Structure formats: structure tokens, C-alpha cells
Amino acid sequence: MARLPFDDEHAPLYSVGQVAAMLNVEQAFLRRLDEFDVVRPARSGGGQRRYSRHEIGDVQNAISLVGEGMTLVAVRRIFELEQQVRELRAELARERARRGGEDAPG
């Protein structure tokens, strides 16, 4: 059975207006998130921003952090650090799996 675009959390399906309405924020706020490299949505053929469900989650996190007093520069840095942590955890898991294979009796 073929996967449909809306099954993919990374499919860029939602416009700025739709996301702004969903999250009750101004469209200008979403454009600022893009300008500050906090959340960079895909662009349509006509250059319009298109958000995935994953990016909408990132926008929600950004809204929360801004609500706690963080600047957009700080939010971007937090997101960068969170990505680094995810990458390091994945690297650690790969290394543990590799070593587990070495340590197994053979």
C-alpha cells in the first residue's frame, strides 16, 4: 500500500496561513522564525513556505520558548544543541551495537 503525503510527518503540506491559524500566531512570527533560521520550511514552486507536521511541532516548541523569554537567536541555538544531542545519542547507540557484536562469544 502506497504511503500518502499526509502520512509522512516531513511532507511539506501546510501554508503559512494554515499554520498561523492552527497555532493562533501571526504569519509575521512564522516568517521571523524562518528569517532567524529557527524553523526553515520548504518552499513551493512559487516560493511560498510549506510546513510539515514535524516543522509545526518545532514552531510549537519555539512558541513555548519565546513565551519563556527566549530570543529567536537563543531558540535557534537551543534547537541546534538538541540536534547535536540527538546525533551523539545515535552515534553512541551505533558504537554500542558495534561493540556488542565484538564482545559476543564467537
PDB file of N, CA and C in Angstrom:
ATOM      1  N   MET A   1       0.840  -1.179   0.000  1.00  0.00           N
ATOM      2  CA  MET A   1       0.000   0.000   0.000  1.00  0.00           C
ATOM      3  C   MET A   1       0.896   1.256   0.000  1.00  0.00           C
ATOM      4  N   ALA A   2       0.660   2.146  -0.911  1.00  0.00           N
ATOM      5  CA  ALA A   2       1.487   3.352  -1.044  1.00  0.00           C
ATOM      6  C   ALA A   2       1.185   4.326   0.087  1.00  0.00           C
ATOM      7  N   ARG A   3       2.253   4.948   0.556  1.00  0.00           N
ATOM      8  CA  ARG A   3       2.093   5.982   1.594  1.00  0.00           C
ATOM      9  C   ARG A   3       1.611   7.263   0.934  1.00  0.00           C
ATOM     10  N   LEU A   4       0.694   7.928   1.575  1.00  0.00           N
ATOM     11  CA  LEU A   4       0.202   9.211   1.086  1.00  0.00           C
ATOM     12  C   LEU A   4       1.007  10.331   1.715  1.00  0.00           C
ATOM     13  N   PRO A   5       1.074  11.504   1.052  1.00  0.00           N
ATOM     14  CA  PRO A   5       1.878  12.601   1.610  1.00  0.00           C
ATOM     15  C   PRO A   5       1.517  12.955   3.049  1.00  0.00           C
ATOM     16  N   PHE A   6       0.226  12.907   3.389  1.00  0.00           N
ATOM     17  CA  PHE A   6      -0.147  13.284   4.752  1.00  0.00           C
ATOM     18  C   PHE A   6       0.228  12.224   5.777  1.00  0.00           C
ATOM     19  N   ASP A   7       0.669  11.045   5.328  1.00  0.00           N
ATOM     20  CA  ASP A   7       1.182  10.024   6.246  1.00  0.00           C
ATOM     21  C   ASP A   7       2.609  10.338   6.686  1.00  0.00           C
ATOM     22  N   ASP A   8       3.293  11.158   5.911  1.00  0.00           N
ATOM     23  CA  ASP A   8       4.694  11.485   6.156  1.00  0.00           C
ATOM     24  C   ASP A   8       4.782  12.775   6.968  1.00  0.00           C
ATOM     25  N   GLU A   9       5.308  12.686   8.189  1.00  0.00           N
ATOM     26  CA  GLU A   9       5.379  13.873   9.038  1.00  0.00           C
ATOM     27  C   GLU A   9       6.319  14.938   8.490  1.00  0.00           C
ATOM     28  N   HIS A  10       7.137  14.594   7.499  1.00  0.00           N
ATOM     29  CA  HIS A  10       8.076  15.548   6.914  1.00  0.00           C
ATOM     30  C   HIS A  10       7.592  16.104   5.570  1.00  0.00           C
ATOM     31  N   ALA A  11       6.400  15.703   5.126  1.00  0.00           N
ATOM     32  CA  ALA A  11       5.864  16.212   3.860  1.00  0.00           C
ATOM     33  C   ALA A  11       5.414  17.664   4.041  1.00  0.00           C
ATOM     34  N   PRO A  12       5.888  18.565   3.198  1.00  0.00           N
ATOM     35  CA  PRO A  12       5.542  19.993   3.319  1.00  0.00           C
ATOM     36  C   PRO A  12       4.155  20.282   2.755  1.00  0.00           C
ATOM     37  N   LEU A  13       3.147  20.240   3.606  1.00  0.00           N
ATOM     38  CA  LEU A  13       1.762  20.325   3.151  1.00  0.00           C
ATOM     39  C   LEU A  13       1.025  21.594   3.564  1.00  0.00           C
ATOM     40  N   TYR A  14       1.493  22.308   4.556  1.00  0.00           N
ATOM     41  CA  TYR A  14       0.710  23.380   5.161  1.00  0.00           C
ATOM     42  C   TYR A  14       1.285  24.758   4.852  1.00  0.00           C
ATOM     43  N   SER A  15       0.412  25.690   4.489  1.00  0.00           N
ATOM     44  CA  SER A  15       0.827  27.054   4.175  1.00  0.00           C
ATOM     45  C   SER A  15       1.039  27.867   5.452  1.00  0.00           C
ATOM     46  N   VAL A  16       1.650  29.027   5.296  1.00  0.00           N
ATOM     47  CA  VAL A  16       1.858  29.934   6.427  1.00  0.00           C
ATOM     48  C   VAL A  16       0.513  30.275   7.074  1.00  0.00           C
ATOM     49  N   GLY A  17      -0.478  30.583   6.242  1.00  0.00           N
ATOM     50  CA  GLY A  17      -1.795  30.938   6.779  1.00  0.00           C
ATOM     51  C   GLY A  17      -2.420  29.807   7.570  1.00  0.00           C
ATOM     52  N   GLN A  18      -2.304  28.590   7.069  1.00  0.00           N
ATOM     53  CA  GLN A  18      -2.863  27.439   7.775  1.00  0.00           C
ATOM     54  C   GLN A  18      -2.173  27.228   9.112  1.00  0.00           C
ATOM     55  N   VAL A  19      -0.839  27.300   9.121  1.00  0.00           N
ATOM     56  CA  VAL A  19      -0.089  27.082  10.358  1.00  0.00           C
ATOM     57  C   VAL A  19      -0.392  28.197  11.359  1.00  0.00           C
ATOM     58  N   ALA A  20      -0.436  29.433  10.883  1.00  0.00           N
ATOM     59  CA  ALA A  20      -0.744  30.564  11.769  1.00  0.00           C
ATOM     60  C   ALA A  20      -2.114  30.371  12.413  1.00  0.00           C
ATOM     61  N   ALA A  21      -3.089  29.937  11.624  1.00  0.00           N
ATOM     62  CA  ALA A  21      -4.434  29.716  12.167  1.00  0.00           C
ATOM     63  C   ALA A  21      -4.448  28.552  13.157  1.00  0.00           C
ATOM     64  N   MET A  22      -3.747  27.475  12.823  1.00  0.00           N
ATOM     65  CA  MET A  22      -3.698  26.294  13.704  1.00  0.00           C
ATOM     66  C   MET A  22      -3.120  26.635  15.063  1.00  0.00           C
ATOM     67  N   LEU A  23      -2.046  27.443  15.059  1.00  0.00           N
ATOM     68  CA  LEU A  23      -1.299  27.703  16.284  1.00  0.00           C
ATOM     69  C   LEU A  23      -1.640  29.050  16.915  1.00  0.00           C
ATOM     70  N   ASN A  24      -2.565  29.766  16.281  1.00  0.00           N
ATOM     71  CA  ASN A  24      -3.012  31.065  16.786  1.00  0.00           C
ATOM     72  C   ASN A  24      -1.837  32.036  16.966  1.00  0.00           C
ATOM     73  N   VAL A  25      -1.022  32.146  15.908  1.00  0.00           N
ATOM     74  CA  VAL A  25       0.094  33.100  15.883  1.00  0.00           C
ATOM     75  C   VAL A  25      -0.020  33.936  14.616  1.00  0.00           C
ATOM     76  N   GLU A  26       0.691  35.024  14.599  1.00  0.00           N
ATOM     77  CA  GLU A  26       0.719  35.880  13.423  1.00  0.00           C
ATOM     78  C   GLU A  26       1.605  35.255  12.343  1.00  0.00           C
ATOM     79  N   GLN A  27       1.222  35.458  11.087  1.00  0.00           N
ATOM     80  CA  GLN A  27       2.052  34.978   9.986  1.00  0.00           C
ATOM     81  C   GLN A  27       3.441  35.615  10.037  1.00  0.00           C
ATOM     82  N   ALA A  28       3.503  36.861  10.479  1.00  0.00           N
ATOM     83  CA  ALA A  28       4.799  37.549  10.583  1.00  0.00           C
ATOM     84  C   ALA A  28       5.734  36.816  11.546  1.00  0.00           C
ATOM     85  N   PHE A  29       5.184  36.221  12.609  1.00  0.00           N
ATOM     86  CA  PHE A  29       6.014  35.461  13.548  1.00  0.00           C
ATOM     87  C   PHE A  29       6.633  34.259  12.841  1.00  0.00           C
ATOM     88  N   LEU A  30       5.845  33.578  12.021  1.00  0.00           N
ATOM     89  CA  LEU A  30       6.370  32.428  11.282  1.00  0.00           C
ATOM     90  C   LEU A  30       7.461  32.858  10.303  1.00  0.00           C
ATOM     91  N   ARG A  31       7.277  33.995   9.659  1.00  0.00           N
ATOM     92  CA  ARG A  31       8.308  34.498   8.746  1.00  0.00           C
ATOM     93  C   ARG A  31       9.585  34.836   9.518  1.00  0.00           C
ATOM     94  N   ARG A  32       9.444  35.370  10.716  1.00  0.00           N
ATOM     95  CA  ARG A  32      10.626  35.694  11.537  1.00  0.00           C
ATOM     96  C   ARG A  32      11.356  34.425  11.963  1.00  0.00           C
ATOM     97  N   LEU A  33      10.617  33.368  12.286  1.00  0.00           N
ATOM     98  CA  LEU A  33      11.275  32.095  12.616  1.00  0.00           C
ATOM     99  C   LEU A  33      12.128  31.621  11.443  1.00  0.00           C
ATOM    100  N   ASP A  34      11.625  31.810  10.235  1.00  0.00           N
ATOM    101  CA  ASP A  34      12.365  31.427   9.034  1.00  0.00           C
ATOM    102  C   ASP A  34      13.579  32.346   8.848  1.00  0.00           C
ATOM    103  N   GLU A  35      13.381  33.646   8.990  1.00  0.00           N
ATOM    104  CA  GLU A  35      14.472  34.611   8.818  1.00  0.00           C
ATOM    105  C   GLU A  35      15.613  34.368   9.809  1.00  0.00           C
ATOM    106  N   PHE A  36      15.281  33.933  11.018  1.00  0.00           N
ATOM    107  CA  PHE A  36      16.288  33.690  12.054  1.00  0.00           C
ATOM    108  C   PHE A  36      16.797  32.237  12.044  1.00  0.00           C
ATOM    109  N   ASP A  37      16.438  31.481  11.011  1.00  0.00           N
ATOM    110  CA  ASP A  37      16.867  30.077  10.877  1.00  0.00           C
ATOM    111  C   ASP A  37      16.435  29.209  12.055  1.00  0.00           C
ATOM    112  N   VAL A  38      15.311  29.537  12.642  1.00  0.00           N
ATOM    113  CA  VAL A  38      14.797  28.723  13.742  1.00  0.00           C
ATOM    114  C   VAL A  38      14.019  27.547  13.160  1.00  0.00           C
ATOM    115  N   VAL A  39      13.075  27.831  12.276  1.00  0.00           N
ATOM    116  CA  VAL A  39      12.314  26.812  11.560  1.00  0.00           C
ATOM    117  C   VAL A  39      12.319  27.225  10.092  1.00  0.00           C
ATOM    118  N   ARG A  40      12.944  26.395   9.254  1.00  0.00           N
ATOM    119  CA  ARG A  40      13.078  26.698   7.824  1.00  0.00           C
ATOM    120  C   ARG A  40      12.184  25.755   7.025  1.00  0.00           C
ATOM    121  N   PRO A  41      10.965  26.180   6.715  1.00  0.00           N
ATOM    122  CA  PRO A  41      10.072  25.304   5.945  1.00  0.00           C
ATOM    123  C   PRO A  41      10.529  25.197   4.493  1.00  0.00           C
ATOM    124  N   ALA A  42      10.031  24.175   3.823  1.00  0.00           N
ATOM    125  CA  ALA A  42      10.286  24.016   2.388  1.00  0.00           C
ATOM    126  C   ALA A  42       9.570  25.148   1.648  1.00  0.00           C
ATOM    127  N   ARG A  43       9.909  25.301   0.395  1.00  0.00           N
ATOM    128  CA  ARG A  43       9.248  26.310  -0.450  1.00  0.00           C
ATOM    129  C   ARG A  43       8.547  25.605  -1.599  1.00  0.00           C
ATOM    130  N   SER A  44       7.381  26.125  -1.943  1.00  0.00           N
ATOM    131  CA  SER A  44       6.651  25.613  -3.102  1.00  0.00           C
ATOM    132  C   SER A  44       7.339  26.103  -4.364  1.00  0.00           C
ATOM    133  N   GLY A  45       6.896  25.630  -5.508  1.00  0.00           N
ATOM    134  CA  GLY A  45       7.441  26.085  -6.773  1.00  0.00           C
ATOM    135  C   GLY A  45       7.334  27.595  -6.926  1.00  0.00           C
ATOM    136  N   GLY A  46       6.311  28.182  -6.348  1.00  0.00           N
ATOM    137  CA  GLY A  46       6.110  29.629  -6.401  1.00  0.00           C
ATOM    138  C   GLY A  46       6.816  30.380  -5.290  1.00  0.00           C
ATOM    139  N   GLY A  47       7.587  29.673  -4.452  1.00  0.00           N
ATOM    140  CA  GLY A  47       8.348  30.325  -3.390  1.00  0.00           C
ATOM    141  C   GLY A  47       7.613  30.487  -2.073  1.00  0.00           C
ATOM    142  N   GLN A  48       6.401  29.944  -1.972  1.00  0.00           N
ATOM    143  CA  GLN A  48       5.658  30.059  -0.721  1.00  0.00           C
ATOM    144  C   GLN A  48       6.142  29.010   0.284  1.00  0.00           C
ATOM    145  N   ARG A  49       6.150  29.414   1.549  1.00  0.00           N
ATOM    146  CA  ARG A  49       6.567  28.489   2.609  1.00  0.00           C
ATOM    147  C   ARG A  49       5.529  27.377   2.749  1.00  0.00           C
ATOM    148  N   ARG A  50       6.034  26.155   2.930  1.00  0.00           N
ATOM    149  CA  ARG A  50       5.174  24.994   3.153  1.00  0.00           C
ATOM    150  C   ARG A  50       5.739  24.211   4.335  1.00  0.00           C
ATOM    151  N   TYR A  51       4.915  24.036   5.354  1.00  0.00           N
ATOM    152  CA  TYR A  51       5.347  23.406   6.604  1.00  0.00           C
ATOM    153  C   TYR A  51       4.903  21.950   6.662  1.00  0.00           C
ATOM    154  N   SER A  52       5.756  21.125   7.235  1.00  0.00           N
ATOM    155  CA  SER A  52       5.415  19.728   7.519  1.00  0.00           C
ATOM    156  C   SER A  52       4.874  19.650   8.949  1.00  0.00           C
ATOM    157  N   ARG A  53       4.298  18.516   9.291  1.00  0.00           N
ATOM    158  CA  ARG A  53       3.845  18.320  10.681  1.00  0.00           C
ATOM    159  C   ARG A  53       5.024  18.404  11.634  1.00  0.00           C
ATOM    160  N   HIS A  54       6.176  17.895  11.221  1.00  0.00           N
ATOM    161  CA  HIS A  54       7.377  17.958  12.062  1.00  0.00           C
ATOM    162  C   HIS A  54       7.756  19.416  12.334  1.00  0.00           C
ATOM    163  N   GLU A  55       7.747  20.234  11.296  1.00  0.00           N
ATOM    164  CA  GLU A  55       8.092  21.649  11.465  1.00  0.00           C
ATOM    165  C   GLU A  55       7.056  22.392  12.298  1.00  0.00           C
ATOM    166  N   ILE A  56       5.811  21.989  12.181  1.00  0.00           N
ATOM    167  CA  ILE A  56       4.776  22.603  13.022  1.00  0.00           C
ATOM    168  C   ILE A  56       5.070  22.307  14.491  1.00  0.00           C
ATOM    169  N   GLY A  57       5.551  21.109  14.782  1.00  0.00           N
ATOM    170  CA  GLY A  57       5.972  20.787  16.147  1.00  0.00           C
ATOM    171  C   GLY A  57       7.123  21.661  16.599  1.00  0.00           C
ATOM    172  N   ASP A  58       8.067  21.917  15.687  1.00  0.00           N
ATOM    173  CA  ASP A  58       9.176  22.813  16.018  1.00  0.00           C
ATOM    174  C   ASP A  58       8.673  24.226  16.294  1.00  0.00           C
ATOM    175  N   VAL A  59       7.703  24.673  15.496  1.00  0.00           N
ATOM    176  CA  VAL A  59       7.121  26.005  15.727  1.00  0.00           C
ATOM    177  C   VAL A  59       6.469  26.053  17.111  1.00  0.00           C
ATOM    178  N   GLN A  60       5.748  25.003  17.471  1.00  0.00           N
ATOM    179  CA  GLN A  60       5.133  24.948  18.808  1.00  0.00           C
ATOM    180  C   GLN A  60       6.192  25.052  19.902  1.00  0.00           C
ATOM    181  N   ASN A  61       7.303  24.351  19.732  1.00  0.00           N
ATOM    182  CA  ASN A  61       8.387  24.427  20.713  1.00  0.00           C
ATOM    183  C   ASN A  61       8.970  25.831  20.767  1.00  0.00           C
ATOM    184  N   ALA A  62       9.131  26.453  19.606  1.00  0.00           N
ATOM    185  CA  ALA A  62       9.659  27.819  19.556  1.00  0.00           C
ATOM    186  C   ALA A  62       8.705  28.781  20.266  1.00  0.00           C
ATOM    187  N   ILE A  63       7.422  28.630  20.042  1.00  0.00           N
ATOM    188  CA  ILE A  63       6.424  29.486  20.705  1.00  0.00           C
ATOM    189  C   ILE A  63       6.564  29.362  22.215  1.00  0.00           C
ATOM    190  N   SER A  64       6.719  28.141  22.687  1.00  0.00           N
ATOM    191  CA  SER A  64       6.862  27.901  24.124  1.00  0.00           C
ATOM    192  C   SER A  64       8.118  28.577  24.669  1.00  0.00           C
ATOM    193  N   LEU A  65       9.240  28.423  23.966  1.00  0.00           N
ATOM    194  CA  LEU A  65      10.494  29.013  24.430  1.00  0.00           C
ATOM    195  C   LEU A  65      10.450  30.543  24.396  1.00  0.00           C
ATOM    196  N   VAL A  66       9.857  31.098  23.355  1.00  0.00           N
ATOM    197  CA  VAL A  66       9.705  32.559  23.285  1.00  0.00           C
ATOM    198  C   VAL A  66       8.811  33.025  24.430  1.00  0.00           C
ATOM    199  N   GLY A  67       7.788  32.243  24.734  1.00  0.00           N
ATOM    200  CA  GLY A  67       6.903  32.562  25.855  1.00  0.00           C
ATOM    201  C   GLY A  67       7.626  32.562  27.193  1.00  0.00           C
ATOM    202  N   GLU A  68       8.719  31.802  27.267  1.00  0.00           N
ATOM    203  CA  GLU A  68       9.536  31.762  28.489  1.00  0.00           C
ATOM    204  C   GLU A  68      10.590  32.863  28.500  1.00  0.00           C
ATOM    205  N   GLY A  69      10.589  33.706  27.453  1.00  0.00           N
ATOM    206  CA  GLY A  69      11.502  34.840  27.433  1.00  0.00           C
ATOM    207  C   GLY A  69      12.740  34.676  26.571  1.00  0.00           C
ATOM    208  N   MET A  70      12.831  33.589  25.822  1.00  0.00           N
ATOM    209  CA  MET A  70      13.995  33.369  24.965  1.00  0.00           C
ATOM    210  C   MET A  70      13.902  34.234  23.706  1.00  0.00           C
ATOM    211  N   THR A  71      15.049  34.705  23.235  1.00  0.00           N
ATOM    212  CA  THR A  71      15.093  35.397  21.949  1.00  0.00           C
ATOM    213  C   THR A  71      15.106  34.359  20.834  1.00  0.00           C
ATOM    214  N   LEU A  72      14.865  34.792  19.604  1.00  0.00           N
ATOM    215  CA  LEU A  72      14.903  33.853  18.489  1.00  0.00           C
ATOM    216  C   LEU A  72      16.310  33.309  18.266  1.00  0.00           C
ATOM    217  N   VAL A  73      17.317  34.112  18.539  1.00  0.00           N
ATOM    218  CA  VAL A  73      18.706  33.627  18.441  1.00  0.00           C
ATOM    219  C   VAL A  73      18.924  32.512  19.468  1.00  0.00           C
ATOM    220  N   ALA A  74      18.421  32.692  20.677  1.00  0.00           N
ATOM    221  CA  ALA A  74      18.560  31.670  21.720  1.00  0.00           C
ATOM    222  C   ALA A  74      17.786  30.405  21.350  1.00  0.00           C
ATOM    223  N   VAL A  75      16.590  30.571  20.805  1.00  0.00           N
ATOM    224  CA  VAL A  75      15.786  29.415  20.402  1.00  0.00           C
ATOM    225  C   VAL A  75      16.527  28.628  19.318  1.00  0.00           C
ATOM    226  N   ARG A  76      17.097  29.340  18.338  1.00  0.00           N
ATOM    227  CA  ARG A  76      17.853  28.663  17.289  1.00  0.00           C
ATOM    228  C   ARG A  76      19.001  27.855  17.897  1.00  0.00           C
ATOM    229  N   ARG A  77      19.711  28.436  18.844  1.00  0.00           N
ATOM    230  CA  ARG A  77      20.845  27.741  19.470  1.00  0.00           C
ATOM    231  C   ARG A  77      20.365  26.519  20.258  1.00  0.00           C
ATOM    232  N   ILE A  78      19.266  26.652  20.953  1.00  0.00           N
ATOM    233  CA  ILE A  78      18.699  25.513  21.684  1.00  0.00           C
ATOM    234  C   ILE A  78      18.376  24.388  20.710  1.00  0.00           C
ATOM    235  N   PHE A  79      17.734  24.720  19.587  1.00  0.00           N
ATOM    236  CA  PHE A  79      17.403  23.705  18.587  1.00  0.00           C
ATOM    237  C   PHE A  79      18.673  23.052  18.027  1.00  0.00           C
ATOM    238  N   GLU A  80      19.722  23.858  17.785  1.00  0.00           N
ATOM    239  CA  GLU A  80      20.988  23.312  17.283  1.00  0.00           C
ATOM    240  C   GLU A  80      21.588  22.339  18.295  1.00  0.00           C
ATOM    241  N   LEU A  81      21.575  22.713  19.552  1.00  0.00           N
ATOM    242  CA  LEU A  81      22.137  21.847  20.596  1.00  0.00           C
ATOM    243  C   LEU A  81      21.319  20.569  20.754  1.00  0.00           C
ATOM    244  N   GLU A  82      19.995  20.688  20.655  1.00  0.00           N
ATOM    245  CA  GLU A  82      19.154  19.490  20.736  1.00  0.00           C
ATOM    246  C   GLU A  82      19.462  18.532  19.584  1.00  0.00           C
ATOM    247  N   GLN A  83      19.698  19.082  18.391  1.00  0.00           N
ATOM    248  CA  GLN A  83      20.053  18.244  17.239  1.00  0.00           C
ATOM    249  C   GLN A  83      21.393  17.558  17.468  1.00  0.00           C
ATOM    250  N   GLN A  84      22.352  18.282  18.023  1.00  0.00           N
ATOM    251  CA  GLN A  84      23.657  17.678  18.315  1.00  0.00           C
ATOM    252  C   GLN A  84      23.517  16.535  19.309  1.00  0.00           C
ATOM    253  N   VAL A  85      22.690  16.714  20.315  1.00  0.00           N
ATOM    254  CA  VAL A  85      22.463  15.661  21.310  1.00  0.00           C
ATOM    255  C   VAL A  85      21.852  14.430  20.630  1.00  0.00           C
ATOM    256  N   ARG A  86      20.860  14.644  19.748  1.00  0.00           N
ATOM    257  CA  ARG A  86      20.258  13.510  19.027  1.00  0.00           C
ATOM    258  C   ARG A  86      21.305  12.763  18.200  1.00  0.00           C
ATOM    259  N   GLU A  87      22.156  13.531  17.514  1.00  0.00           N
ATOM    260  CA  GLU A  87      23.193  12.906  16.685  1.00  0.00           C
ATOM    261  C   GLU A  87      24.193  12.130  17.534  1.00  0.00           C
ATOM    262  N   LEU A  88      24.594  12.687  18.672  1.00  0.00           N
ATOM    263  CA  LEU A  88      25.540  11.996  19.549  1.00  0.00           C
ATOM    264  C   LEU A  88      24.928  10.732  20.149  1.00  0.00           C
ATOM    265  N   ARG A  89      23.650  10.799  20.494  1.00  0.00           N
ATOM    266  CA  ARG A  89      22.980   9.601  21.020  1.00  0.00           C
ATOM    267  C   ARG A  89      22.922   8.505  19.969  1.00  0.00           C
ATOM    268  N   ALA A  90      22.636   8.889  18.728  1.00  0.00           N
ATOM    269  CA  ALA A  90      22.594   7.904  17.647  1.00  0.00           C
ATOM    270  C   ALA A  90      23.985   7.304  17.420  1.00  0.00           C
ATOM    271  N   GLU A  91      25.007   8.150  17.456  1.00  0.00           N
ATOM    272  CA  GLU A  91      26.383   7.668  17.292  1.00  0.00           C
ATOM    273  C   GLU A  91      26.756   6.713  18.420  1.00  0.00           C
ATOM    274  N   LEU A  92      26.384   7.055  19.638  1.00  0.00           N
ATOM    275  CA  LEU A  92      26.659   6.197  20.786  1.00  0.00           C
ATOM    276  C   LEU A  92      25.945   4.853  20.646  1.00  0.00           C
ATOM    277  N   ALA A  93      24.691   4.889  20.197  1.00  0.00           N
ATOM    278  CA  ALA A  93      23.944   3.645  20.020  1.00  0.00           C
ATOM    279  C   ALA A  93      24.607   2.764  18.955  1.00  0.00           C
ATOM    280  N   ARG A  94      25.064   3.385  17.864  1.00  0.00           N
ATOM    281  CA  ARG A  94      25.761   2.609  16.820  1.00  0.00           C
ATOM    282  C   ARG A  94      27.040   1.994  17.366  1.00  0.00           C
ATOM    283  N   GLU A  95      27.784   2.772  18.136  1.00  0.00           N
ATOM    284  CA  GLU A  95      29.043   2.277  18.702  1.00  0.00           C
ATOM    285  C   GLU A  95      28.784   1.142  19.693  1.00  0.00           C
ATOM    286  N   ARG A  96      27.750   1.297  20.509  1.00  0.00           N
ATOM    287  CA  ARG A  96      27.411   0.221  21.456  1.00  0.00           C
ATOM    288  C   ARG A  96      27.008  -1.048  20.717  1.00  0.00           C
ATOM    289  N   ALA A  97      26.246  -0.881  19.641  1.00  0.00           N
ATOM    290  CA  ALA A  97      25.833  -2.062  18.843  1.00  0.00           C
ATOM    291  C   ALA A  97      27.046  -2.715  18.205  1.00  0.00           C
ATOM    292  N   ARG A  98      27.967  -1.910  17.696  1.00  0.00           N
ATOM    293  CA  ARG A  98      29.174  -2.454  17.087  1.00  0.00           C
ATOM    294  C   ARG A  98      30.001  -3.206  18.111  1.00  0.00           C
ATOM    295  N   ARG A  99      30.178  -2.590  19.272  1.00  0.00           N
ATOM    296  CA  ARG A  99      30.973  -3.235  20.326  1.00  0.00           C
ATOM    297  C   ARG A  99      30.280  -4.465  20.879  1.00  0.00           C
ATOM    298  N   GLY A 100      28.968  -4.422  20.916  1.00  0.00           N
ATOM    299  CA  GLY A 100      28.222  -5.596  21.368  1.00  0.00           C
ATOM    300  C   GLY A 100      28.490  -6.781  20.466  1.00  0.00           C
ATOM    301  N   GLY A 101      28.599  -6.506  19.178  1.00  0.00           N
ATOM    302  CA  GLY A 101      28.919  -7.554  18.220  1.00  0.00           C
ATOM    303  C   GLY A 101      30.324  -8.090  18.394  1.00  0.00           C
ATOM    304  N   GLU A 102      31.256  -7.209  18.798  1.00  0.00           N
ATOM    305  CA  GLU A 102      32.647  -7.637  19.016  1.00  0.00           C
ATOM    306  C   GLU A 102      32.769  -8.468  20.281  1.00  0.00           C
ATOM    307  N   ASP A 103      31.969  -8.076  21.298  1.00  0.00           N
ATOM    308  CA  ASP A 103      32.090  -8.727  22.596  1.00  0.00           C
ATOM    309  C   ASP A 103      31.387 -10.075  22.651  1.00  0.00           C
ATOM    310  N   ALA A 104      30.557 -10.334  21.674  1.00  0.00           N
ATOM    311  CA  ALA A 104      29.788 -11.594  21.693  1.00  0.00           C
ATOM    312  C   ALA A 104      30.730 -12.766  21.509  1.00  0.00           C
ATOM    313  N   PRO A 105      30.487 -13.853  22.277  1.00  0.00           N
ATOM    314  CA  PRO A 105      31.345 -15.023  22.118  1.00  0.00           C
ATOM    315  C   PRO A 105      31.231 -15.599  20.710  1.00  0.00           C
ATOM    316  N   GLY A 106      32.338 -16.002  20.171  1.00  0.00           N
ATOM    317  CA  GLY A 106      32.276 -16.467  18.788  1.00  0.00           C
ATOM    318  C   GLY A 106      32.941 -17.692  18.597  1.00  0.00           C
TER     319      GLY A 106
END
